[in-house]
Amino acid sequence: MKAAHPSARRVTELAPGKVNLALFVGPPRADGRHELVTVFESVSLFDELCVEEFSCGGDRVICRGVSGRNLVADAVEALRGRGWNAKPLRIEIVKRIPVAAGMGGGSADAGALLRIAPRLAPVPAAEVDAVAAALGADVPAQLAPGLALATGAGDVVEPRQPLAPHALVIAPLAAQLSTAAVYAEADRRGLPRSSEELNRLLAGLDRALVSGAVLPASLLVNDLEPAARALCPAIDGALDAIRATRADHVLVCGSGPTVAGVFWGEAGGARAALAAEALRGRFPGVIAVDPVSSQASGKMLGA
């Protein structure tokens, strides 16, 4: 391995995973994506990016245990293509967010890299936003972790104030699901809603998402859940197991197969921690998490 330049900088950035507290799917668009109305919430289950500058050579992205091209490499390449002239980078990603699990881990990593980029070399905010949008629908919401209402394909993001106190228990499964396959199954089942219904749900979420609110169960809905359950029957057992812990609400995270339970109230954190302990024998990766409003504001629980 090449030695770092004496003046090289090292930057570490946390990349929080997300849950979709609501995910309403509308009709397909001309670009192949679907119209969405969704609520993203960042949670305190973090990947970690360690970025080191070098004086020469090319950029290198390392993510042990994960094969294939990484969105972080795509983000660096896109920035370079727009004239970003940071020194060559060695980027190591420490993965904690489960892969292909509906928690947006790859998008979170790309968002973290884009947050780091202006610290390493000048780049206009508009260029960062454009790269985020081009990388995928989840990446714009990961630029500023927190709670957000998203529309379009999930790439039109409106930050919102935190909800009432709550915590979540996250139960990853051994299986992985392709987002494209889950959407294809949703289409096959006729699950997407009409544009009119999507607009009605958007108005309801807009009214409900006020500071300190508890979201009603009628809005804590994931339209992809039936498709994910059909492709991964193990999800059913996980949903039942979390319901048995007396979670206030249980849902599939994004396109799955990860399952989450929501615990509202000041005691939500303690209740989620007890649930995680009860579930650990069956789901070894289970963890209790808090919502986070920035990459540094949360703490990992139950790790």
Protein backbone atom coordinates (compact mmCIF):
# COMPACT_ATOMS: atom_id res chain seq x y z
CA MET A 1 0.00 0.00 0.00
CA LYS A 2 1.30 3.45 -0.88
CA ALA A 3 2.32 5.71 1.95
CA ALA A 4 0.22 8.79 2.56
CA HIS A 5 1.64 12.18 1.70
CA PRO A 6 2.94 13.88 4.89
CA SER A 7 0.28 16.62 4.61
CA ALA A 8 -2.52 14.26 3.59
CA ARG A 9 -5.80 14.60 5.42
CA ARG A 10 -7.91 11.82 6.84
CA VAL A 11 -11.63 12.39 7.25
CA THR A 12 -14.15 10.10 8.92
CA GLU A 13 -17.87 10.43 8.28
CA LEU A 14 -20.81 8.42 9.61
CA ALA A 15 -23.52 7.32 7.18
CA PRO A 16 -26.84 6.57 8.90
CA GLY A 17 -29.27 4.06 7.48
CA LYS A 18 -32.91 4.96 6.91
CA VAL A 19 -36.36 3.56 7.35
CA ASN A 20 -39.39 4.53 5.31
CA LEU A 21 -42.04 5.32 7.89
CA ALA A 22 -44.44 5.65 4.97
CA LEU A 23 -43.98 4.48 1.39
CA PHE A 24 -46.82 5.01 -1.06
CA VAL A 25 -46.16 3.86 -4.62
CA GLY A 26 -47.80 5.47 -7.62
CA PRO A 27 -47.78 4.72 -11.33
CA PRO A 28 -44.61 4.01 -13.34
CA ARG A 29 -42.91 6.97 -14.98
CA ALA A 30 -41.39 7.33 -18.42
CA ASP A 31 -37.90 6.83 -16.92
CA GLY A 32 -38.85 3.43 -15.50
CA ARG A 33 -39.10 4.62 -11.91
CA HIS A 34 -42.35 5.03 -9.97
CA GLU A 35 -43.96 8.13 -8.55
CA LEU A 36 -43.56 7.97 -4.78
CA VAL A 37 -44.73 9.69 -1.64
CA THR A 38 -42.49 8.59 1.20
CA VAL A 39 -41.20 9.61 4.62
CA PHE A 40 -37.50 8.94 5.16
CA GLU A 41 -36.15 8.82 8.70
CA SER A 42 -32.44 8.40 9.41
CA VAL A 43 -31.63 6.06 12.28
CA SER A 44 -28.61 5.37 14.44
CA LEU A 45 -27.33 2.35 12.55
CA PHE A 46 -24.25 3.69 10.80
CA ASP A 47 -21.80 2.75 8.11
CA GLU A 48 -18.50 4.60 8.45
CA LEU A 49 -16.39 6.16 5.69
CA CYS A 50 -12.69 6.66 6.32
CA VAL A 51 -11.28 8.90 3.59
CA GLU A 52 -7.54 9.47 3.16
CA GLU A 53 -5.82 11.74 0.65
CA PHE A 54 -2.81 10.60 -1.38
CA SER A 55 -0.35 12.63 -3.40
CA CYS A 56 -0.57 10.45 -6.52
CA GLY A 57 -2.30 7.47 -8.06
CA GLY A 58 -6.00 6.93 -8.60
CA ASP A 59 -9.03 6.84 -6.35
CA ARG A 60 -9.65 3.57 -4.54
CA VAL A 61 -12.84 2.45 -2.75
CA ILE A 62 -12.63 -0.51 -0.36
CA CYS A 63 -15.72 -2.16 1.12
CA ARG A 64 -14.80 -5.51 2.57
CA GLY A 65 -17.39 -8.23 2.24
CA VAL A 66 -19.39 -6.41 -0.45
CA SER A 67 -18.78 -7.25 -4.09
CA GLY A 68 -19.58 -5.23 -7.19
CA ARG A 69 -19.37 -1.54 -7.94
CA ASN A 70 -20.10 0.82 -5.08
CA LEU A 71 -22.18 4.01 -5.24
CA VAL A 72 -19.32 5.81 -3.49
CA ALA A 73 -17.05 5.05 -6.46
CA ASP A 74 -19.78 6.34 -8.76
CA ALA A 75 -20.05 9.52 -6.68
CA VAL A 76 -16.31 10.18 -6.86
CA GLU A 77 -16.27 9.54 -10.61
CA ALA A 78 -19.22 11.88 -11.15
CA LEU A 79 -17.60 14.63 -9.10
CA ARG A 80 -14.33 14.25 -11.04
CA GLY A 81 -16.31 14.52 -14.26
CA ARG A 82 -17.64 17.87 -13.07
CA GLY A 83 -14.17 19.23 -12.39
CA TRP A 84 -13.72 18.37 -8.71
CA ASN A 85 -9.96 18.33 -8.20
CA ALA A 86 -9.43 16.75 -4.79
CA LYS A 87 -6.25 14.71 -4.34
CA PRO A 88 -6.51 10.98 -5.10
CA LEU A 89 -8.51 9.27 -2.38
CA ARG A 90 -8.45 5.95 -0.57
CA ILE A 91 -11.97 5.42 0.80
CA GLU A 92 -12.66 2.54 3.16
CA ILE A 93 -16.27 1.76 4.05
CA VAL A 94 -17.01 -0.08 7.27
CA LYS A 95 -20.40 -1.72 6.72
CA ARG A 96 -22.94 -2.05 9.52
CA ILE A 97 -26.13 -1.32 7.58
CA PRO A 98 -27.29 -4.63 6.07
CA VAL A 99 -26.82 -4.92 2.31
CA ALA A 100 -29.81 -5.14 -0.08
CA ALA A 101 -32.09 -4.84 2.94
CA GLY A 102 -34.23 -1.77 2.26
CA MET A 103 -32.29 0.58 4.56
CA GLY A 104 -30.47 2.55 1.88
CA GLY A 105 -26.95 1.65 2.96
CA GLY A 106 -25.34 2.28 -0.43
CA SER A 107 -27.17 5.57 -0.78
CA ALA A 108 -26.17 6.55 2.75
CA ASP A 109 -22.51 5.88 1.91
CA ALA A 110 -22.74 7.99 -1.26
CA GLY A 111 -24.45 10.78 0.68
CA ALA A 112 -21.66 10.72 3.27
CA LEU A 113 -19.01 11.00 0.54
CA LEU A 114 -20.85 13.95 -1.00
CA ARG A 115 -20.93 15.66 2.41
CA ILE A 116 -17.18 15.19 2.70
CA ALA A 117 -16.38 16.38 -0.83
CA PRO A 118 -16.50 20.17 -0.22
CA ARG A 119 -14.06 19.77 2.67
CA LEU A 120 -11.50 18.16 0.37
CA ALA A 121 -11.77 20.51 -2.61
CA PRO A 122 -14.16 23.28 -3.67
CA VAL A 123 -17.37 22.11 -5.32
CA PRO A 124 -20.59 24.14 -5.68
CA ALA A 125 -23.57 22.88 -3.70
CA ALA A 126 -25.59 22.72 -6.91
CA GLU A 127 -23.05 20.28 -8.38
CA VAL A 128 -23.27 18.07 -5.28
CA ASP A 129 -27.07 18.09 -5.52
CA ALA A 130 -26.93 17.19 -9.22
CA VAL A 131 -24.60 14.26 -8.58
CA ALA A 132 -26.83 13.01 -5.75
CA ALA A 133 -29.90 13.09 -7.98
CA ALA A 134 -28.11 11.26 -10.78
CA LEU A 135 -26.87 8.48 -8.49
CA GLY A 136 -30.32 7.29 -7.44
CA ALA A 137 -33.61 8.27 -5.90
CA ASP A 138 -32.54 7.64 -2.27
CA VAL A 139 -29.28 9.61 -2.37
CA PRO A 140 -30.69 13.19 -2.19
CA ALA A 141 -32.46 12.34 1.08
CA GLN A 142 -29.14 11.11 2.50
CA LEU A 143 -27.27 14.36 1.92
CA ALA A 144 -28.72 15.83 5.12
CA PRO A 145 -29.75 12.94 7.39
CA GLY A 146 -32.95 13.40 9.32
CA LEU A 147 -36.69 13.28 8.72
CA ALA A 148 -37.92 14.18 5.25
CA LEU A 149 -41.00 14.01 3.08
CA ALA A 150 -40.02 12.94 -0.44
CA THR A 151 -41.91 12.92 -3.71
CA GLY A 152 -41.06 12.40 -7.38
CA ALA A 153 -39.12 9.14 -7.50
CA GLY A 154 -38.09 9.86 -3.90
CA ASP A 155 -35.57 12.45 -5.06
CA VAL A 156 -37.60 15.62 -4.33
CA VAL A 157 -36.84 16.03 -0.65
CA GLU A 158 -38.42 18.36 1.91
CA PRO A 159 -36.81 18.21 5.38
CA ARG A 160 -39.20 18.08 8.31
CA GLN A 161 -38.89 18.66 12.05
CA PRO A 162 -38.52 15.63 14.36
CA LEU A 163 -41.60 13.69 15.38
CA ALA A 164 -42.65 12.79 18.91
CA PRO A 165 -40.08 10.80 20.89
CA HIS A 166 -39.76 7.25 19.60
CA ALA A 167 -37.30 4.49 18.95
CA LEU A 168 -37.21 1.51 16.63
CA VAL A 169 -36.04 -2.07 16.69
CA ILE A 170 -34.45 -3.21 13.43
CA ALA A 171 -34.39 -6.93 12.55
CA PRO A 172 -32.25 -7.75 9.49
CA LEU A 173 -32.85 -11.09 7.80
CA ALA A 174 -30.26 -13.33 6.19
CA ALA A 175 -31.96 -12.90 2.80
CA GLN A 176 -31.40 -10.05 0.35
CA LEU A 177 -33.94 -8.51 -2.01
CA SER A 178 -33.36 -6.63 -5.24
CA THR A 179 -35.25 -3.34 -5.22
CA ALA A 180 -35.99 -3.77 -8.93
CA ALA A 181 -37.42 -7.24 -8.32
CA VAL A 182 -39.68 -5.98 -5.53
CA TYR A 183 -41.04 -3.16 -7.69
CA ALA A 184 -41.58 -5.60 -10.55
CA GLU A 185 -43.57 -7.87 -8.23
CA ALA A 186 -45.57 -4.87 -7.00
CA ASP A 187 -46.42 -4.01 -10.61
CA ARG A 188 -47.39 -7.61 -11.32
CA ARG A 189 -49.76 -7.54 -8.37
CA GLY A 190 -51.27 -4.21 -9.40
CA LEU A 191 -50.20 -2.51 -6.16
CA PRO A 192 -49.30 0.99 -7.46
CA ARG A 193 -51.90 3.64 -6.66
CA SER A 194 -53.43 6.20 -8.99
CA SER A 195 -51.98 9.70 -9.19
CA GLU A 196 -55.13 11.04 -7.54
CA GLU A 197 -54.80 8.72 -4.57
CA LEU A 198 -51.11 9.49 -4.27
CA ASN A 199 -51.89 13.21 -4.10
CA ARG A 200 -54.50 12.59 -1.41
CA LEU A 201 -51.99 10.67 0.69
CA LEU A 202 -49.38 13.38 0.16
CA ALA A 203 -51.80 15.96 1.54
CA GLY A 204 -52.47 13.75 4.56
CA LEU A 205 -48.79 13.28 5.29
CA ASP A 206 -48.13 16.97 4.81
CA ARG A 207 -50.72 17.76 7.51
CA ALA A 208 -49.49 15.00 9.84
CA LEU A 209 -45.77 15.74 9.69
CA VAL A 210 -45.59 18.49 12.27
CA SER A 211 -42.99 18.86 14.99
CA GLY A 212 -43.63 16.47 17.89
CA ALA A 213 -46.39 14.53 16.12
CA VAL A 214 -47.21 10.83 16.40
CA LEU A 215 -47.98 9.52 12.93
CA PRO A 216 -51.28 7.63 12.75
CA ALA A 217 -51.23 3.96 11.80
CA SER A 218 -53.21 4.78 8.64
CA LEU A 219 -50.13 6.60 7.30
CA LEU A 220 -47.49 4.16 8.56
CA VAL A 221 -47.90 2.05 5.43
CA ASN A 222 -45.41 0.46 3.03
CA ASP A 223 -47.04 -0.33 -0.32
CA LEU A 224 -44.11 -2.61 -1.23
CA GLU A 225 -44.66 -4.86 1.77
CA PRO A 226 -46.94 -7.43 0.04
CA ALA A 227 -44.46 -7.78 -2.84
CA ALA A 228 -41.49 -8.14 -0.48
CA ARG A 229 -43.34 -10.75 1.58
CA ALA A 230 -44.20 -12.73 -1.54
CA LEU A 231 -40.55 -12.82 -2.61
CA CYS A 232 -39.22 -13.48 0.90
CA PRO A 233 -41.69 -15.48 3.05
CA ALA A 234 -39.33 -15.23 6.05
CA ILE A 235 -40.53 -11.64 6.43
CA ASP A 236 -43.86 -12.91 7.81
CA GLY A 237 -42.19 -14.58 10.77
CA ALA A 238 -40.15 -11.48 11.51
CA LEU A 239 -43.25 -9.26 11.44
CA ASP A 240 -45.02 -11.61 13.86
CA ALA A 241 -42.00 -11.78 16.17
CA ILE A 242 -41.75 -8.00 16.45
CA ARG A 243 -45.52 -7.66 16.97
CA ALA A 244 -45.13 -10.05 19.91
CA THR A 245 -42.80 -7.53 21.60
CA ARG A 246 -45.76 -5.08 21.73
CA ALA A 247 -44.29 -2.63 19.27
CA ASP A 248 -46.77 0.13 18.48
CA HIS A 249 -46.33 -0.48 14.77
CA VAL A 250 -44.47 -3.01 12.60
CA LEU A 251 -43.44 -2.54 8.97
CA VAL A 252 -41.02 -3.67 6.29
CA CYS A 253 -38.14 -1.25 5.65
CA GLY A 254 -38.25 0.04 2.07
CA SER A 255 -38.09 -2.84 -0.39
CA GLY A 256 -37.17 -5.24 2.44
CA PRO A 257 -36.42 -7.73 3.73
CA THR A 258 -35.44 -5.86 6.94
CA VAL A 259 -38.34 -5.43 9.38
CA ALA A 260 -38.76 -2.62 11.91
CA GLY A 261 -40.90 -2.03 14.98
CA VAL A 262 -41.79 1.49 16.14
CA PHE A 263 -42.06 2.32 19.85
CA TRP A 264 -43.59 5.74 20.59
CA GLY A 265 -43.13 7.76 23.79
CA GLU A 266 -40.40 8.83 26.18
CA ALA A 267 -39.93 5.19 27.16
CA GLY A 268 -39.64 4.13 23.52
CA GLY A 269 -35.88 3.67 23.70
CA ALA A 270 -36.08 1.38 26.73
CA ARG A 271 -38.94 -0.60 25.17
CA ALA A 272 -37.04 -1.00 21.90
CA ALA A 273 -33.93 -2.15 23.77
CA LEU A 274 -35.95 -4.79 25.64
CA ALA A 275 -37.50 -5.93 22.36
CA ALA A 276 -34.07 -6.25 20.75
CA GLU A 277 -32.87 -8.36 23.68
CA ALA A 278 -35.90 -10.62 23.40
CA LEU A 279 -35.43 -11.06 19.65
CA ARG A 280 -31.66 -11.55 19.59
CA GLY A 281 -31.77 -15.34 19.83
CA ARG A 282 -33.84 -15.53 16.66
CA PHE A 283 -32.40 -12.52 14.80
CA PRO A 284 -28.69 -12.19 15.70
CA GLY A 285 -28.32 -8.81 13.97
CA VAL A 286 -31.26 -7.16 15.70
CA ILE A 287 -30.57 -3.68 17.07
CA ALA A 288 -32.50 -0.91 18.81
CA VAL A 289 -31.99 2.50 17.22
CA ASP A 290 -32.94 6.14 17.67
CA PRO A 291 -33.92 8.64 14.99
CA VAL A 292 -31.05 10.96 14.06
CA SER A 293 -31.11 14.46 12.61
CA SER A 294 -27.47 14.51 11.52
CA GLN A 295 -24.69 12.01 10.98
CA ALA A 296 -23.25 12.80 14.42
CA SER A 297 -26.34 13.17 16.59
CA GLY A 298 -27.30 9.54 17.14
CA LYS A 299 -25.78 6.77 19.19
CA MET A 300 -25.73 3.10 18.43
CA LEU A 301 -27.81 1.00 20.78
CA GLY A 302 -27.59 -2.67 21.44
CA ALA A 303 -24.43 -3.17 19.35
